[in-house]
Amino acid sequence: MVKVLHCNDLVPGCMFEARGICDEEVIAEFADHIATAHNMFEISDETLVMINKAIHEEACRRVRFARM
């Protein structure tokens, strides 16, 4: 299952979503994002704890098709 981190959970108003098959992939993608979009080039231990808590498994999306 895919893991996801919504930047909005940590930076209100930001709609970026980092995804990966493991926490490490999500954190790497999120680190790139916060460096470029939020000018945050270092992640403190406290921030890393918050990031890890915000990562969760992505809920399955169901698509409904209209009947004809």
PDB file of N, CA and C in Angstrom:
ATOM      1  N   MET A   1       0.841  -1.175   0.000  1.00  0.00           N
ATOM      2  CA  MET A   1       0.000   0.000   0.000  1.00  0.00           C
ATOM      3  C   MET A   1       0.892   1.247   0.000  1.00  0.00           C
ATOM      4  N   VAL A   2       0.436   2.284  -0.635  1.00  0.00           N
ATOM      5  CA  VAL A   2       1.185   3.527  -0.763  1.00  0.00           C
ATOM      6  C   VAL A   2       1.050   4.362   0.511  1.00  0.00           C
ATOM      7  N   LYS A   3       2.162   4.971   0.917  1.00  0.00           N
ATOM      8  CA  LYS A   3       2.146   5.876   2.067  1.00  0.00           C
ATOM      9  C   LYS A   3       2.119   7.304   1.536  1.00  0.00           C
ATOM     10  N   VAL A   4       1.494   8.185   2.304  1.00  0.00           N
ATOM     11  CA  VAL A   4       1.334   9.568   1.860  1.00  0.00           C
ATOM     12  C   VAL A   4       1.550  10.525   3.023  1.00  0.00           C
ATOM     13  N   LEU A   5       2.054  11.702   2.692  1.00  0.00           N
ATOM     14  CA  LEU A   5       2.198  12.787   3.652  1.00  0.00           C
ATOM     15  C   LEU A   5       1.650  14.040   2.989  1.00  0.00           C
ATOM     16  N   HIS A   6       0.655  14.643   3.596  1.00  0.00           N
ATOM     17  CA  HIS A   6       0.063  15.881   3.101  1.00  0.00           C
ATOM     18  C   HIS A   6       0.806  17.037   3.767  1.00  0.00           C
ATOM     19  N   CYS A   7       1.450  17.869   2.965  1.00  0.00           N
ATOM     20  CA  CYS A   7       2.195  18.996   3.512  1.00  0.00           C
ATOM     21  C   CYS A   7       1.281  19.891   4.352  1.00  0.00           C
ATOM     22  N   ASN A   8       0.020  19.984   3.973  1.00  0.00           N
ATOM     23  CA  ASN A   8      -0.953  20.798   4.702  1.00  0.00           C
ATOM     24  C   ASN A   8      -1.053  20.388   6.178  1.00  0.00           C
ATOM     25  N   ASP A   9      -0.737  19.136   6.489  1.00  0.00           N
ATOM     26  CA  ASP A   9      -0.764  18.688   7.884  1.00  0.00           C
ATOM     27  C   ASP A   9       0.332  19.353   8.721  1.00  0.00           C
ATOM     28  N   LEU A  10       1.387  19.826   8.051  1.00  0.00           N
ATOM     29  CA  LEU A  10       2.506  20.457   8.746  1.00  0.00           C
ATOM     30  C   LEU A  10       2.654  21.940   8.391  1.00  0.00           C
ATOM     31  N   VAL A  11       2.291  22.277   7.168  1.00  0.00           N
ATOM     32  CA  VAL A  11       2.368  23.663   6.693  1.00  0.00           C
ATOM     33  C   VAL A  11       0.987  24.036   6.164  1.00  0.00           C
ATOM     34  N   PRO A  12       0.152  24.640   7.005  1.00  0.00           N
ATOM     35  CA  PRO A  12      -1.221  24.955   6.590  1.00  0.00           C
ATOM     36  C   PRO A  12      -1.269  25.747   5.284  1.00  0.00           C
ATOM     37  N   GLY A  13      -2.142  25.288   4.398  1.00  0.00           N
ATOM     38  CA  GLY A  13      -2.336  25.961   3.122  1.00  0.00           C
ATOM     39  C   GLY A  13      -1.552  25.376   1.965  1.00  0.00           C
ATOM     40  N   CYS A  14      -0.579  24.511   2.234  1.00  0.00           N
ATOM     41  CA  CYS A  14       0.219  23.903   1.162  1.00  0.00           C
ATOM     42  C   CYS A  14      -0.457  22.613   0.719  1.00  0.00           C
ATOM     43  N   MET A  15      -0.702  22.470  -0.561  1.00  0.00           N
ATOM     44  CA  MET A  15      -1.448  21.324  -1.081  1.00  0.00           C
ATOM     45  C   MET A  15      -0.546  20.191  -1.604  1.00  0.00           C
ATOM     46  N   PHE A  16       0.769  20.267  -1.382  1.00  0.00           N
ATOM     47  CA  PHE A  16       1.692  19.233  -1.851  1.00  0.00           C
ATOM     48  C   PHE A  16       1.453  17.924  -1.103  1.00  0.00           C
ATOM     49  N   GLU A  17       1.603  16.812  -1.822  1.00  0.00           N
ATOM     50  CA  GLU A  17       1.490  15.481  -1.221  1.00  0.00           C
ATOM     51  C   GLU A  17       2.699  14.659  -1.633  1.00  0.00           C
ATOM     52  N   ALA A  18       3.410  14.103  -0.652  1.00  0.00           N
ATOM     53  CA  ALA A  18       4.541  13.213  -0.919  1.00  0.00           C
ATOM     54  C   ALA A  18       4.043  11.780  -0.791  1.00  0.00           C
ATOM     55  N   ARG A  19       4.439  10.928  -1.743  1.00  0.00           N
ATOM     56  CA  ARG A  19       4.015   9.528  -1.731  1.00  0.00           C
ATOM     57  C   ARG A  19       5.217   8.612  -1.913  1.00  0.00           C
ATOM     58  N   GLY A  20       5.090   7.400  -1.385  1.00  0.00           N
ATOM     59  CA  GLY A  20       6.130   6.404  -1.555  1.00  0.00           C
ATOM     60  C   GLY A  20       5.666   5.070  -1.010  1.00  0.00           C
ATOM     61  N   ILE A  21       6.466   4.040  -1.242  1.00  0.00           N
ATOM     62  CA  ILE A  21       6.091   2.719  -0.745  1.00  0.00           C
ATOM     63  C   ILE A  21       6.597   2.486   0.673  1.00  0.00           C
ATOM     64  N   CYS A  22       7.482   3.380   1.147  1.00  0.00           N
ATOM     65  CA  CYS A  22       7.976   3.281   2.523  1.00  0.00           C
ATOM     66  C   CYS A  22       8.169   4.699   3.076  1.00  0.00           C
ATOM     67  N   ASP A  23       8.322   4.788   4.391  1.00  0.00           N
ATOM     68  CA  ASP A  23       8.495   6.095   5.037  1.00  0.00           C
ATOM     69  C   ASP A  23       9.696   6.850   4.482  1.00  0.00           C
ATOM     70  N   GLU A  24      10.789   6.135   4.217  1.00  0.00           N
ATOM     71  CA  GLU A  24      12.007   6.774   3.731  1.00  0.00           C
ATOM     72  C   GLU A  24      11.792   7.471   2.396  1.00  0.00           C
ATOM     73  N   GLU A  25      11.036   6.839   1.491  1.00  0.00           N
ATOM     74  CA  GLU A  25      10.736   7.463   0.191  1.00  0.00           C
ATOM     75  C   GLU A  25       9.899   8.718   0.371  1.00  0.00           C
ATOM     76  N   VAL A  26       8.918   8.644   1.241  1.00  0.00           N
ATOM     77  CA  VAL A  26       8.054   9.792   1.498  1.00  0.00           C
ATOM     78  C   VAL A  26       8.861  10.937   2.094  1.00  0.00           C
ATOM     79  N   ILE A  27       9.708  10.642   3.059  1.00  0.00           N
ATOM     80  CA  ILE A  27      10.519  11.672   3.706  1.00  0.00           C
ATOM     81  C   ILE A  27      11.476  12.314   2.705  1.00  0.00           C
ATOM     82  N   ALA A  28      12.089  11.518   1.835  1.00  0.00           N
ATOM     83  CA  ALA A  28      13.008  12.067   0.831  1.00  0.00           C
ATOM     84  C   ALA A  28      12.276  13.020  -0.115  1.00  0.00           C
ATOM     85  N   GLU A  29      11.107  12.627  -0.585  1.00  0.00           N
ATOM     86  CA  GLU A  29      10.326  13.486  -1.479  1.00  0.00           C
ATOM     87  C   GLU A  29       9.878  14.750  -0.745  1.00  0.00           C
ATOM     88  N   PHE A  30       9.461  14.601   0.503  1.00  0.00           N
ATOM     89  CA  PHE A  30       9.014  15.738   1.293  1.00  0.00           C
ATOM     90  C   PHE A  30      10.180  16.685   1.581  1.00  0.00           C
ATOM     91  N   ALA A  31      11.361  16.147   1.856  1.00  0.00           N
ATOM     92  CA  ALA A  31      12.538  16.982   2.120  1.00  0.00           C
ATOM     93  C   ALA A  31      12.875  17.837   0.904  1.00  0.00           C
ATOM     94  N   ASP A  32      12.791  17.260  -0.294  1.00  0.00           N
ATOM     95  CA  ASP A  32      13.017  18.030  -1.522  1.00  0.00           C
ATOM     96  C   ASP A  32      11.992  19.151  -1.639  1.00  0.00           C
ATOM     97  N   HIS A  33      10.739  18.831  -1.346  1.00  0.00           N
ATOM     98  CA  HIS A  33       9.665  19.813  -1.446  1.00  0.00           C
ATOM     99  C   HIS A  33       9.865  20.969  -0.464  1.00  0.00           C
ATOM    100  N   ILE A  34      10.120  20.666   0.798  1.00  0.00           N
ATOM    101  CA  ILE A  34      10.216  21.751   1.775  1.00  0.00           C
ATOM    102  C   ILE A  34      11.462  22.607   1.541  1.00  0.00           C
ATOM    103  N   ALA A  35      12.490  22.024   0.932  1.00  0.00           N
ATOM    104  CA  ALA A  35      13.677  22.815   0.608  1.00  0.00           C
ATOM    105  C   ALA A  35      13.372  23.819  -0.501  1.00  0.00           C
ATOM    106  N   THR A  36      12.677  23.368  -1.537  1.00  0.00           N
ATOM    107  CA  THR A  36      12.408  24.248  -2.674  1.00  0.00           C
ATOM    108  C   THR A  36      11.212  25.164  -2.446  1.00  0.00           C
ATOM    109  N   ALA A  37      10.157  24.670  -1.844  1.00  0.00           N
ATOM    110  CA  ALA A  37       8.930  25.460  -1.703  1.00  0.00           C
ATOM    111  C   ALA A  37       8.898  26.296  -0.428  1.00  0.00           C
ATOM    112  N   HIS A  38       9.552  25.825   0.626  1.00  0.00           N
ATOM    113  CA  HIS A  38       9.446  26.495   1.927  1.00  0.00           C
ATOM    114  C   HIS A  38      10.798  26.977   2.468  1.00  0.00           C
ATOM    115  N   ASN A  39      11.860  26.863   1.637  1.00  0.00           N
ATOM    116  CA  ASN A  39      13.213  27.302   2.025  1.00  0.00           C
ATOM    117  C   ASN A  39      13.662  26.720   3.368  1.00  0.00           C
ATOM    118  N   MET A  40      13.312  25.475   3.602  1.00  0.00           N
ATOM    119  CA  MET A  40      13.707  24.792   4.834  1.00  0.00           C
ATOM    120  C   MET A  40      14.711  23.712   4.441  1.00  0.00           C
ATOM    121  N   PHE A  41      15.992  24.010   4.650  1.00  0.00           N
ATOM    122  CA  PHE A  41      17.048  23.142   4.129  1.00  0.00           C
ATOM    123  C   PHE A  41      17.559  22.118   5.131  1.00  0.00           C
ATOM    124  N   GLU A  42      17.217  22.284   6.396  1.00  0.00           N
ATOM    125  CA  GLU A  42      17.601  21.317   7.421  1.00  0.00           C
ATOM    126  C   GLU A  42      16.364  20.905   8.194  1.00  0.00           C
ATOM    127  N   ILE A  43      16.319  19.627   8.559  1.00  0.00           N
ATOM    128  CA  ILE A  43      15.191  19.100   9.319  1.00  0.00           C
ATOM    129  C   ILE A  43      15.685  18.721  10.709  1.00  0.00           C
ATOM    130  N   SER A  44      15.137  19.379  11.713  1.00  0.00           N
ATOM    131  CA  SER A  44      15.539  19.082  13.094  1.00  0.00           C
ATOM    132  C   SER A  44      14.950  17.731  13.515  1.00  0.00           C
ATOM    133  N   ASP A  45      15.459  17.199  14.603  1.00  0.00           N
ATOM    134  CA  ASP A  45      14.939  15.938  15.127  1.00  0.00           C
ATOM    135  C   ASP A  45      13.464  16.075  15.506  1.00  0.00           C
ATOM    136  N   GLU A  46      13.101  17.223  16.069  1.00  0.00           N
ATOM    137  CA  GLU A  46      11.708  17.455  16.462  1.00  0.00           C
ATOM    138  C   GLU A  46      10.789  17.485  15.245  1.00  0.00           C
ATOM    139  N   THR A  47      11.258  18.134  14.176  1.00  0.00           N
ATOM    140  CA  THR A  47      10.471  18.192  12.943  1.00  0.00           C
ATOM    141  C   THR A  47      10.351  16.813  12.315  1.00  0.00           C
ATOM    142  N   LEU A  48      11.416  16.039  12.359  1.00  0.00           N
ATOM    143  CA  LEU A  48      11.384  14.686  11.804  1.00  0.00           C
ATOM    144  C   LEU A  48      10.364  13.816  12.538  1.00  0.00           C
ATOM    145  N   VAL A  49      10.234  13.991  13.833  1.00  0.00           N
ATOM    146  CA  VAL A  49       9.228  13.260  14.609  1.00  0.00           C
ATOM    147  C   VAL A  49       7.833  13.644  14.119  1.00  0.00           C
ATOM    148  N   MET A  50       7.605  14.945  13.903  1.00  0.00           N
ATOM    149  CA  MET A  50       6.303  15.409  13.403  1.00  0.00           C
ATOM    150  C   MET A  50       6.016  14.853  12.018  1.00  0.00           C
ATOM    151  N   ILE A  51       7.029  14.812  11.166  1.00  0.00           N
ATOM    152  CA  ILE A  51       6.871  14.278   9.808  1.00  0.00           C
ATOM    153  C   ILE A  51       6.488  12.804   9.873  1.00  0.00           C
ATOM    154  N   ASN A  52       7.200  12.034  10.686  1.00  0.00           N
ATOM    155  CA  ASN A  52       6.907  10.602  10.810  1.00  0.00           C
ATOM    156  C   ASN A  52       5.490  10.354  11.310  1.00  0.00           C
ATOM    157  N   LYS A  53       5.008  11.184  12.224  1.00  0.00           N
ATOM    158  CA  LYS A  53       3.646  11.022  12.734  1.00  0.00           C
ATOM    159  C   LYS A  53       2.602  11.369  11.692  1.00  0.00           C
ATOM    160  N   ALA A  54       2.948  12.243  10.747  1.00  0.00           N
ATOM    161  CA  ALA A  54       1.990  12.682   9.725  1.00  0.00           C
ATOM    162  C   ALA A  54       1.886  11.723   8.546  1.00  0.00           C
ATOM    163  N   ILE A  55       2.838  10.803   8.408  1.00  0.00           N
ATOM    164  CA  ILE A  55       2.799   9.828   7.310  1.00  0.00           C
ATOM    165  C   ILE A  55       1.770   8.755   7.633  1.00  0.00           C
ATOM    166  N   HIS A  56       0.937   8.450   6.649  1.00  0.00           N
ATOM    167  CA  HIS A  56      -0.056   7.388   6.852  1.00  0.00           C
ATOM    168  C   HIS A  56      -0.292   6.652   5.537  1.00  0.00           C
ATOM    169  N   GLU A  57      -0.935   5.506   5.640  1.00  0.00           N
ATOM    170  CA  GLU A  57      -1.262   4.749   4.432  1.00  0.00           C
ATOM    171  C   GLU A  57      -2.402   5.440   3.715  1.00  0.00           C
ATOM    172  N   GLU A  58      -2.266   5.510   2.403  1.00  0.00           N
ATOM    173  CA  GLU A  58      -3.287   6.176   1.611  1.00  0.00           C
ATOM    174  C   GLU A  58      -4.535   5.308   1.536  1.00  0.00           C
ATOM    175  N   ALA A  59      -5.661   5.917   1.777  1.00  0.00           N
ATOM    176  CA  ALA A  59      -6.932   5.200   1.698  1.00  0.00           C
ATOM    177  C   ALA A  59      -7.209   4.831   0.244  1.00  0.00           C
ATOM    178  N   CYS A  60      -7.828   3.708   0.061  1.00  0.00           N
ATOM    179  CA  CYS A  60      -8.208   3.292  -1.288  1.00  0.00           C
ATOM    180  C   CYS A  60      -9.232   4.273  -1.844  1.00  0.00           C
ATOM    181  N   ARG A  61      -9.066   4.590  -3.079  1.00  0.00           N
ATOM    182  CA  ARG A  61     -10.016   5.485  -3.733  1.00  0.00           C
ATOM    183  C   ARG A  61     -10.969   4.652  -4.565  1.00  0.00           C
ATOM    184  N   ARG A  62     -12.223   4.916  -4.386  1.00  0.00           N
ATOM    185  CA  ARG A  62     -13.224   4.204  -5.173  1.00  0.00           C
ATOM    186  C   ARG A  62     -13.762   5.141  -6.230  1.00  0.00           C
ATOM    187  N   VAL A  63     -13.863   4.627  -7.405  1.00  0.00           N
ATOM    188  CA  VAL A  63     -14.388   5.410  -8.520  1.00  0.00           C
ATOM    189  C   VAL A  63     -15.718   4.822  -8.920  1.00  0.00           C
ATOM    190  N   ARG A  64     -16.718   5.668  -9.000  1.00  0.00           N
ATOM    191  CA  ARG A  64     -18.028   5.201  -9.430  1.00  0.00           C
ATOM    192  C   ARG A  64     -18.270   5.653 -10.863  1.00  0.00           C
ATOM    193  N   PHE A  65     -18.769   4.750 -11.628  1.00  0.00           N
ATOM    194  CA  PHE A  65     -19.070   5.058 -13.017  1.00  0.00           C
ATOM    195  C   PHE A  65     -20.564   5.264 -13.158  1.00  0.00           C
ATOM    196  N   ALA A  66     -20.903   6.223 -13.957  1.00  0.00           N
ATOM    197  CA  ALA A  66     -22.328   6.498 -14.202  1.00  0.00           C
ATOM    198  C   ALA A  66     -22.915   5.373 -15.054  1.00  0.00           C
ATOM    199  N   ARG A  67     -24.119   4.972 -14.713  1.00  0.00           N
ATOM    200  CA  ARG A  67     -24.791   3.951 -15.517  1.00  0.00           C
ATOM    201  C   ARG A  67     -25.457   4.601 -16.707  1.00  0.00           C
ATOM    202  N   MET A  68     -25.433   3.923 -17.792  1.00  0.00           N
ATOM    203  CA  MET A  68     -26.046   4.491 -19.004  1.00  0.00           C
ATOM    204  C   MET A  68     -27.342   3.827 -19.283  1.00  0.00           C
TER     205      MET A  68
END
